[in-house]
């Protein structure tokens, strides 16, 4: 596929769902990709890119245009917060209270998304859906600018019900915390379903680079 191909798929999914493509933020997941490959997409108009390794992000960012909007989309260790925080516009993977405290320390931290473990999978990070309301309140009180939720559905199961549950959870949280408008969900194999469910941000890598 290609960037143009993914954009066409986004447009088609939005048309089918009665949504505007302008309501969807495409984050190109660029982990493991060279600065030159990222530069080519930048020249094609892409500005939002996602990385999941702190050191890789720190090495790439200085080599690329300063108006790229970097997103951190993977698990983050607290000792890497000082590396990641100055470089990104959003942390998608706020998965525990201790990380929230580290992220908010010293103020002026970029916004974050609450990672939700929708199916309670032991190998995945994130808060259980039943814990999300209390977790959101706690991390906001710690000083995090919380903008929404993120999740990855279980492999091998239909993704749409999980995406719909995540959007419903965001809606419930937004009644208490109006800044929680973002739903980061959907990757190469399922982003059309995420758009159908109401996701606002999709994270796509393989369909663009491979």
C-alpha atoms as a PDB file:
ATOM      1  CA  UNK A   1       0.000   0.000   0.000  1.00  0.00           C
ATOM      2  CA  UNK A   2       1.092   3.627   0.411  1.00  0.00           C
ATOM      3  CA  UNK A   3       0.225   6.824   2.223  1.00  0.00           C
ATOM      4  CA  UNK A   4      -2.156   7.744  -0.603  1.00  0.00           C
ATOM      5  CA  UNK A   5      -3.753   4.315  -0.389  1.00  0.00           C
ATOM      6  CA  UNK A   6      -4.352   4.611   3.340  1.00  0.00           C
ATOM      7  CA  UNK A   7      -5.781   8.086   2.929  1.00  0.00           C
ATOM      8  CA  UNK A   8      -8.171   6.716   0.313  1.00  0.00           C
ATOM      9  CA  UNK A   9      -9.226   3.964   2.720  1.00  0.00           C
ATOM     10  CA  UNK A  10      -9.821   6.583   5.426  1.00  0.00           C
ATOM     11  CA  UNK A  11     -12.000   8.599   3.075  1.00  0.00           C
ATOM     12  CA  UNK A  12     -14.012   5.518   2.112  1.00  0.00           C
ATOM     13  CA  UNK A  13     -14.462   4.461   5.737  1.00  0.00           C
ATOM     14  CA  UNK A  14     -15.586   7.956   6.696  1.00  0.00           C
ATOM     15  CA  UNK A  15     -18.062   8.082   3.823  1.00  0.00           C
ATOM     16  CA  UNK A  16     -19.536   4.753   4.908  1.00  0.00           C
ATOM     17  CA  UNK A  17     -19.822   5.980   8.504  1.00  0.00           C
ATOM     18  CA  UNK A  18     -21.183   9.418   7.644  1.00  0.00           C
ATOM     19  CA  UNK A  19     -18.089  11.106   9.039  1.00  0.00           C
ATOM     20  CA  UNK A  20     -15.638  13.673   7.683  1.00  0.00           C
ATOM     21  CA  UNK A  21     -12.036  12.626   6.942  1.00  0.00           C
ATOM     22  CA  UNK A  22     -11.023  15.878   8.587  1.00  0.00           C
ATOM     23  CA  UNK A  23     -12.182  14.443  11.902  1.00  0.00           C
ATOM     24  CA  UNK A  24      -9.559  11.667  11.747  1.00  0.00           C
ATOM     25  CA  UNK A  25      -5.912  12.124  12.720  1.00  0.00           C
ATOM     26  CA  UNK A  26      -3.635   9.643  10.972  1.00  0.00           C
ATOM     27  CA  UNK A  27      -0.537   8.878  13.036  1.00  0.00           C
ATOM     28  CA  UNK A  28       1.997   7.081  10.865  1.00  0.00           C
ATOM     29  CA  UNK A  29       3.797   4.565  13.075  1.00  0.00           C
ATOM     30  CA  UNK A  30       7.407   4.964  12.012  1.00  0.00           C
ATOM     31  CA  UNK A  31       9.203   2.684  14.475  1.00  0.00           C
ATOM     32  CA  UNK A  32      12.104   0.949  12.801  1.00  0.00           C
ATOM     33  CA  UNK A  33      11.891   3.198   9.725  1.00  0.00           C
ATOM     34  CA  UNK A  34      14.710   5.380   8.513  1.00  0.00           C
ATOM     35  CA  UNK A  35      14.683   9.169   8.659  1.00  0.00           C
ATOM     36  CA  UNK A  36      14.752   9.204   4.854  1.00  0.00           C
ATOM     37  CA  UNK A  37      11.578   7.106   4.687  1.00  0.00           C
ATOM     38  CA  UNK A  38       9.884   9.445   7.156  1.00  0.00           C
ATOM     39  CA  UNK A  39      11.129  12.472   5.208  1.00  0.00           C
ATOM     40  CA  UNK A  40       9.488  11.127   2.040  1.00  0.00           C
ATOM     41  CA  UNK A  41       6.125  10.944   3.797  1.00  0.00           C
ATOM     42  CA  UNK A  42       6.659  14.398   5.252  1.00  0.00           C
ATOM     43  CA  UNK A  43       7.185  15.721   1.735  1.00  0.00           C
ATOM     44  CA  UNK A  44       3.892  14.071   0.778  1.00  0.00           C
ATOM     45  CA  UNK A  45       2.173  16.157   3.452  1.00  0.00           C
ATOM     46  CA  UNK A  46       2.181  13.843   6.473  1.00  0.00           C
ATOM     47  CA  UNK A  47       2.954  15.531   9.790  1.00  0.00           C
ATOM     48  CA  UNK A  48       1.916  13.132  12.593  1.00  0.00           C
ATOM     49  CA  UNK A  49       4.290  10.240  13.303  1.00  0.00           C
ATOM     50  CA  UNK A  50       4.375   7.702  16.122  1.00  0.00           C
ATOM     51  CA  UNK A  51       7.342   6.055  17.807  1.00  0.00           C
ATOM     52  CA  UNK A  52       7.447   3.496  20.607  1.00  0.00           C
ATOM     53  CA  UNK A  53      11.101   3.509  21.659  1.00  0.00           C
ATOM     54  CA  UNK A  54      12.500   6.488  23.500  1.00  0.00           C
ATOM     55  CA  UNK A  55      16.052   6.256  22.198  1.00  0.00           C
ATOM     56  CA  UNK A  56      14.947   5.740  18.608  1.00  0.00           C
ATOM     57  CA  UNK A  57      12.721   8.809  18.818  1.00  0.00           C
ATOM     58  CA  UNK A  58      15.532  10.856  20.346  1.00  0.00           C
ATOM     59  CA  UNK A  59      17.886   9.834  17.546  1.00  0.00           C
ATOM     60  CA  UNK A  60      15.444  10.514  14.702  1.00  0.00           C
ATOM     61  CA  UNK A  61      13.806  13.755  15.765  1.00  0.00           C
ATOM     62  CA  UNK A  62      16.850  16.031  15.302  1.00  0.00           C
ATOM     63  CA  UNK A  63      17.363  14.701  11.773  1.00  0.00           C
ATOM     64  CA  UNK A  64      13.867  15.588  10.597  1.00  0.00           C
ATOM     65  CA  UNK A  65      11.820  18.787  10.156  1.00  0.00           C
ATOM     66  CA  UNK A  66      10.941  20.592  13.357  1.00  0.00           C
ATOM     67  CA  UNK A  67       7.224  20.826  12.576  1.00  0.00           C
ATOM     68  CA  UNK A  68       6.705  17.060  12.680  1.00  0.00           C
ATOM     69  CA  UNK A  69       4.206  16.174  15.405  1.00  0.00           C
ATOM     70  CA  UNK A  70       5.679  13.199  17.219  1.00  0.00           C
ATOM     71  CA  UNK A  71       3.428  10.862  19.210  1.00  0.00           C
ATOM     72  CA  UNK A  72       4.693   8.250  21.657  1.00  0.00           C
ATOM     73  CA  UNK A  73       2.580   5.133  21.189  1.00  0.00           C
ATOM     74  CA  UNK A  74       4.386   2.367  23.100  1.00  0.00           C
ATOM     75  CA  UNK A  75       5.040   1.418  26.720  1.00  0.00           C
ATOM     76  CA  UNK A  76       7.097   4.076  28.457  1.00  0.00           C
ATOM     77  CA  UNK A  77       9.468   3.503  31.344  1.00  0.00           C
ATOM     78  CA  UNK A  78       9.570   6.265  33.923  1.00  0.00           C
ATOM     79  CA  UNK A  79      13.319   6.711  33.469  1.00  0.00           C
ATOM     80  CA  UNK A  80      12.690   7.563  29.797  1.00  0.00           C
ATOM     81  CA  UNK A  81      10.097  10.265  30.474  1.00  0.00           C
ATOM     82  CA  UNK A  82      12.671  13.071  30.373  1.00  0.00           C
ATOM     83  CA  UNK A  83      13.791  11.852  26.943  1.00  0.00           C
ATOM     84  CA  UNK A  84      10.330  11.581  25.419  1.00  0.00           C
ATOM     85  CA  UNK A  85       8.408  14.456  26.979  1.00  0.00           C
ATOM     86  CA  UNK A  86      10.211  17.367  25.240  1.00  0.00           C
ATOM     87  CA  UNK A  87       9.822  15.765  21.811  1.00  0.00           C
ATOM     88  CA  UNK A  88       6.183  14.727  21.557  1.00  0.00           C
ATOM     89  CA  UNK A  89       2.780  16.326  21.202  1.00  0.00           C
ATOM     90  CA  UNK A  90       1.004  13.435  22.899  1.00  0.00           C
ATOM     91  CA  UNK A  91       1.616  10.318  24.973  1.00  0.00           C
ATOM     92  CA  UNK A  92      -0.844   7.608  23.899  1.00  0.00           C
ATOM     93  CA  UNK A  93       0.152   5.008  26.487  1.00  0.00           C
ATOM     94  CA  UNK A  94      -0.457   6.373  29.983  1.00  0.00           C
ATOM     95  CA  UNK A  95      -0.943   3.002  31.661  1.00  0.00           C
ATOM     96  CA  UNK A  96      -0.266   3.502  35.382  1.00  0.00           C
ATOM     97  CA  UNK A  97      -0.421   6.151  38.065  1.00  0.00           C
ATOM     98  CA  UNK A  98       3.317   6.190  38.742  1.00  0.00           C
ATOM     99  CA  UNK A  99       3.939   7.023  35.098  1.00  0.00           C
ATOM    100  CA  UNK A 100       1.349   9.808  35.342  1.00  0.00           C
ATOM    101  CA  UNK A 101       3.211  11.337  38.270  1.00  0.00           C
ATOM    102  CA  UNK A 102       6.492  11.218  36.350  1.00  0.00           C
ATOM    103  CA  UNK A 103       4.888  12.605  33.187  1.00  0.00           C
ATOM    104  CA  UNK A 104       3.333  15.574  34.991  1.00  0.00           C
ATOM    105  CA  UNK A 105       6.398  16.369  37.106  1.00  0.00           C
ATOM    106  CA  UNK A 106       7.750  19.908  36.613  1.00  0.00           C
ATOM    107  CA  UNK A 107       4.647  20.978  34.661  1.00  0.00           C
ATOM    108  CA  UNK A 108       4.152  21.840  30.974  1.00  0.00           C
ATOM    109  CA  UNK A 109       3.907  18.177  29.933  1.00  0.00           C
ATOM    110  CA  UNK A 110       2.164  17.392  26.626  1.00  0.00           C
ATOM    111  CA  UNK A 111      -1.312  15.850  26.756  1.00  0.00           C
ATOM    112  CA  UNK A 112      -1.752  12.137  27.352  1.00  0.00           C
ATOM    113  CA  UNK A 113      -4.278   9.395  26.670  1.00  0.00           C
ATOM    114  CA  UNK A 114      -5.383   6.817  29.208  1.00  0.00           C
ATOM    115  CA  UNK A 115      -4.459   3.342  27.958  1.00  0.00           C
ATOM    116  CA  UNK A 116      -7.287   0.862  28.519  1.00  0.00           C
ATOM    117  CA  UNK A 117      -6.851  -2.917  28.551  1.00  0.00           C
ATOM    118  CA  UNK A 118     -10.255  -3.688  27.092  1.00  0.00           C
ATOM    119  CA  UNK A 119     -10.164  -7.478  27.449  1.00  0.00           C
ATOM    120  CA  UNK A 120      -8.018  -7.760  30.576  1.00  0.00           C
ATOM    121  CA  UNK A 121      -5.199  -9.423  28.653  1.00  0.00           C
ATOM    122  CA  UNK A 122      -2.280 -10.144  31.000  1.00  0.00           C
ATOM    123  CA  UNK A 123       0.348  -9.430  28.349  1.00  0.00           C
ATOM    124  CA  UNK A 124      -0.988  -5.926  27.693  1.00  0.00           C
ATOM    125  CA  UNK A 125      -0.626  -2.711  29.618  1.00  0.00           C
ATOM    126  CA  UNK A 126      -3.420  -0.387  30.631  1.00  0.00           C
ATOM    127  CA  UNK A 127      -6.250   0.167  33.085  1.00  0.00           C
ATOM    128  CA  UNK A 128      -9.244  -2.136  33.223  1.00  0.00           C
ATOM    129  CA  UNK A 129     -12.406  -0.453  31.899  1.00  0.00           C
ATOM    130  CA  UNK A 130     -13.936  -0.605  35.379  1.00  0.00           C
ATOM    131  CA  UNK A 131     -10.924   1.293  36.753  1.00  0.00           C
ATOM    132  CA  UNK A 132     -10.855   3.953  34.066  1.00  0.00           C
ATOM    133  CA  UNK A 133     -13.047   6.543  35.773  1.00  0.00           C
ATOM    134  CA  UNK A 134     -11.047   6.483  39.001  1.00  0.00           C
ATOM    135  CA  UNK A 135      -7.764   6.391  37.078  1.00  0.00           C
ATOM    136  CA  UNK A 136      -8.750   9.385  34.966  1.00  0.00           C
ATOM    137  CA  UNK A 137      -9.581  11.411  38.065  1.00  0.00           C
ATOM    138  CA  UNK A 138      -6.353  10.396  39.749  1.00  0.00           C
ATOM    139  CA  UNK A 139      -4.029  11.231  36.865  1.00  0.00           C
ATOM    140  CA  UNK A 140      -5.744  14.571  36.253  1.00  0.00           C
ATOM    141  CA  UNK A 141      -5.271  15.396  39.935  1.00  0.00           C
ATOM    142  CA  UNK A 142      -1.592  14.528  39.500  1.00  0.00           C
ATOM    143  CA  UNK A 143      -1.397  17.245  36.849  1.00  0.00           C
ATOM    144  CA  UNK A 144      -1.762  15.296  33.591  1.00  0.00           C
ATOM    145  CA  UNK A 145      -3.591  17.045  30.750  1.00  0.00           C
ATOM    146  CA  UNK A 146      -5.743  14.033  29.860  1.00  0.00           C
ATOM    147  CA  UNK A 147      -7.243  14.199  26.378  1.00  0.00           C
ATOM    148  CA  UNK A 148      -8.853  10.796  25.895  1.00  0.00           C
ATOM    149  CA  UNK A 149      -8.324   7.050  25.707  1.00  0.00           C
ATOM    150  CA  UNK A 150      -6.313   4.515  23.739  1.00  0.00           C
ATOM    151  CA  UNK A 151      -6.621   0.750  23.335  1.00  0.00           C
ATOM    152  CA  UNK A 152      -5.631  -2.219  21.198  1.00  0.00           C
ATOM    153  CA  UNK A 153      -8.312  -4.929  20.821  1.00  0.00           C
ATOM    154  CA  UNK A 154      -7.482  -8.613  21.308  1.00  0.00           C
ATOM    155  CA  UNK A 155      -6.048 -10.414  18.317  1.00  0.00           C
ATOM    156  CA  UNK A 156      -8.240 -13.030  16.723  1.00  0.00           C
ATOM    157  CA  UNK A 157     -11.514 -11.475  17.838  1.00  0.00           C
ATOM    158  CA  UNK A 158     -13.843  -9.053  16.029  1.00  0.00           C
ATOM    159  CA  UNK A 159     -12.466  -5.586  16.725  1.00  0.00           C
ATOM    160  CA  UNK A 160     -15.615  -3.518  16.236  1.00  0.00           C
ATOM    161  CA  UNK A 161     -17.306  -4.351  19.574  1.00  0.00           C
ATOM    162  CA  UNK A 162     -14.131  -3.411  21.430  1.00  0.00           C
ATOM    163  CA  UNK A 163     -13.817  -0.136  19.555  1.00  0.00           C
ATOM    164  CA  UNK A 164     -17.460   0.652  20.267  1.00  0.00           C
ATOM    165  CA  UNK A 165     -16.899  -0.086  23.963  1.00  0.00           C
ATOM    166  CA  UNK A 166     -13.888   2.233  23.996  1.00  0.00           C
ATOM    167  CA  UNK A 167     -15.882   5.070  22.426  1.00  0.00           C
ATOM    168  CA  UNK A 168     -18.666   4.524  24.971  1.00  0.00           C
ATOM    169  CA  UNK A 169     -16.091   4.652  27.751  1.00  0.00           C
ATOM    170  CA  UNK A 170     -14.654   7.907  26.381  1.00  0.00           C
ATOM    171  CA  UNK A 171     -18.153   9.370  26.221  1.00  0.00           C
ATOM    172  CA  UNK A 172     -18.789   8.476  29.853  1.00  0.00           C
ATOM    173  CA  UNK A 173     -15.445   9.896  30.977  1.00  0.00           C
ATOM    174  CA  UNK A 174     -16.016  13.095  28.981  1.00  0.00           C
ATOM    175  CA  UNK A 175     -19.176  13.812  30.961  1.00  0.00           C
ATOM    176  CA  UNK A 176     -16.914  14.339  33.974  1.00  0.00           C
ATOM    177  CA  UNK A 177     -13.749  15.459  32.191  1.00  0.00           C
ATOM    178  CA  UNK A 178     -14.687  17.476  29.071  1.00  0.00           C
ATOM    179  CA  UNK A 179     -11.103  17.541  27.744  1.00  0.00           C
ATOM    180  CA  UNK A 180     -11.341  13.806  27.006  1.00  0.00           C
ATOM    181  CA  UNK A 181     -12.284  14.000  23.342  1.00  0.00           C
ATOM    182  CA  UNK A 182      -9.734  11.667  21.705  1.00  0.00           C
ATOM    183  CA  UNK A 183     -10.184   7.973  20.942  1.00  0.00           C
ATOM    184  CA  UNK A 184      -6.913   6.500  19.652  1.00  0.00           C
ATOM    185  CA  UNK A 185      -7.814   3.128  18.153  1.00  0.00           C
ATOM    186  CA  UNK A 186      -7.301   1.165  14.974  1.00  0.00           C
ATOM    187  CA  UNK A 187      -4.210   0.002  13.131  1.00  0.00           C
ATOM    188  CA  UNK A 188      -3.450  -1.441   9.689  1.00  0.00           C
ATOM    189  CA  UNK A 189      -5.814  -4.407   9.910  1.00  0.00           C
ATOM    190  CA  UNK A 190      -8.780  -2.754  11.586  1.00  0.00           C
ATOM    191  CA  UNK A 191      -8.717   1.030  11.284  1.00  0.00           C
ATOM    192  CA  UNK A 192     -11.843   1.137   9.116  1.00  0.00           C
ATOM    193  CA  UNK A 193     -13.739  -0.535  11.956  1.00  0.00           C
ATOM    194  CA  UNK A 194     -12.289   1.964  14.416  1.00  0.00           C
ATOM    195  CA  UNK A 195     -13.511   4.828  12.236  1.00  0.00           C
ATOM    196  CA  UNK A 196     -16.944   3.223  12.035  1.00  0.00           C
ATOM    197  CA  UNK A 197     -17.053   3.015  15.837  1.00  0.00           C
ATOM    198  CA  UNK A 198     -16.070   6.661  16.315  1.00  0.00           C
ATOM    199  CA  UNK A 199     -12.294   6.718  16.738  1.00  0.00           C
ATOM    200  CA  UNK A 200     -10.671  10.112  16.222  1.00  0.00           C
ATOM    201  CA  UNK A 201      -7.044   8.946  15.848  1.00  0.00           C
ATOM    202  CA  UNK A 202      -5.715   5.889  14.039  1.00  0.00           C
ATOM    203  CA  UNK A 203      -2.170   4.513  14.194  1.00  0.00           C
ATOM    204  CA  UNK A 204      -1.014   2.940  10.933  1.00  0.00           C
ATOM    205  CA  UNK A 205       2.457   1.756   9.918  1.00  0.00           C
ATOM    206  CA  UNK A 206       2.608  -1.479   7.948  1.00  0.00           C
ATOM    207  CA  UNK A 207      -0.022  -0.482   5.376  1.00  0.00           C
ATOM    208  CA  UNK A 208       2.007   2.600   4.523  1.00  0.00           C
ATOM    209  CA  UNK A 209       5.582   1.322   4.548  1.00  0.00           C
ATOM    210  CA  UNK A 210       5.231  -2.307   3.370  1.00  0.00           C
END
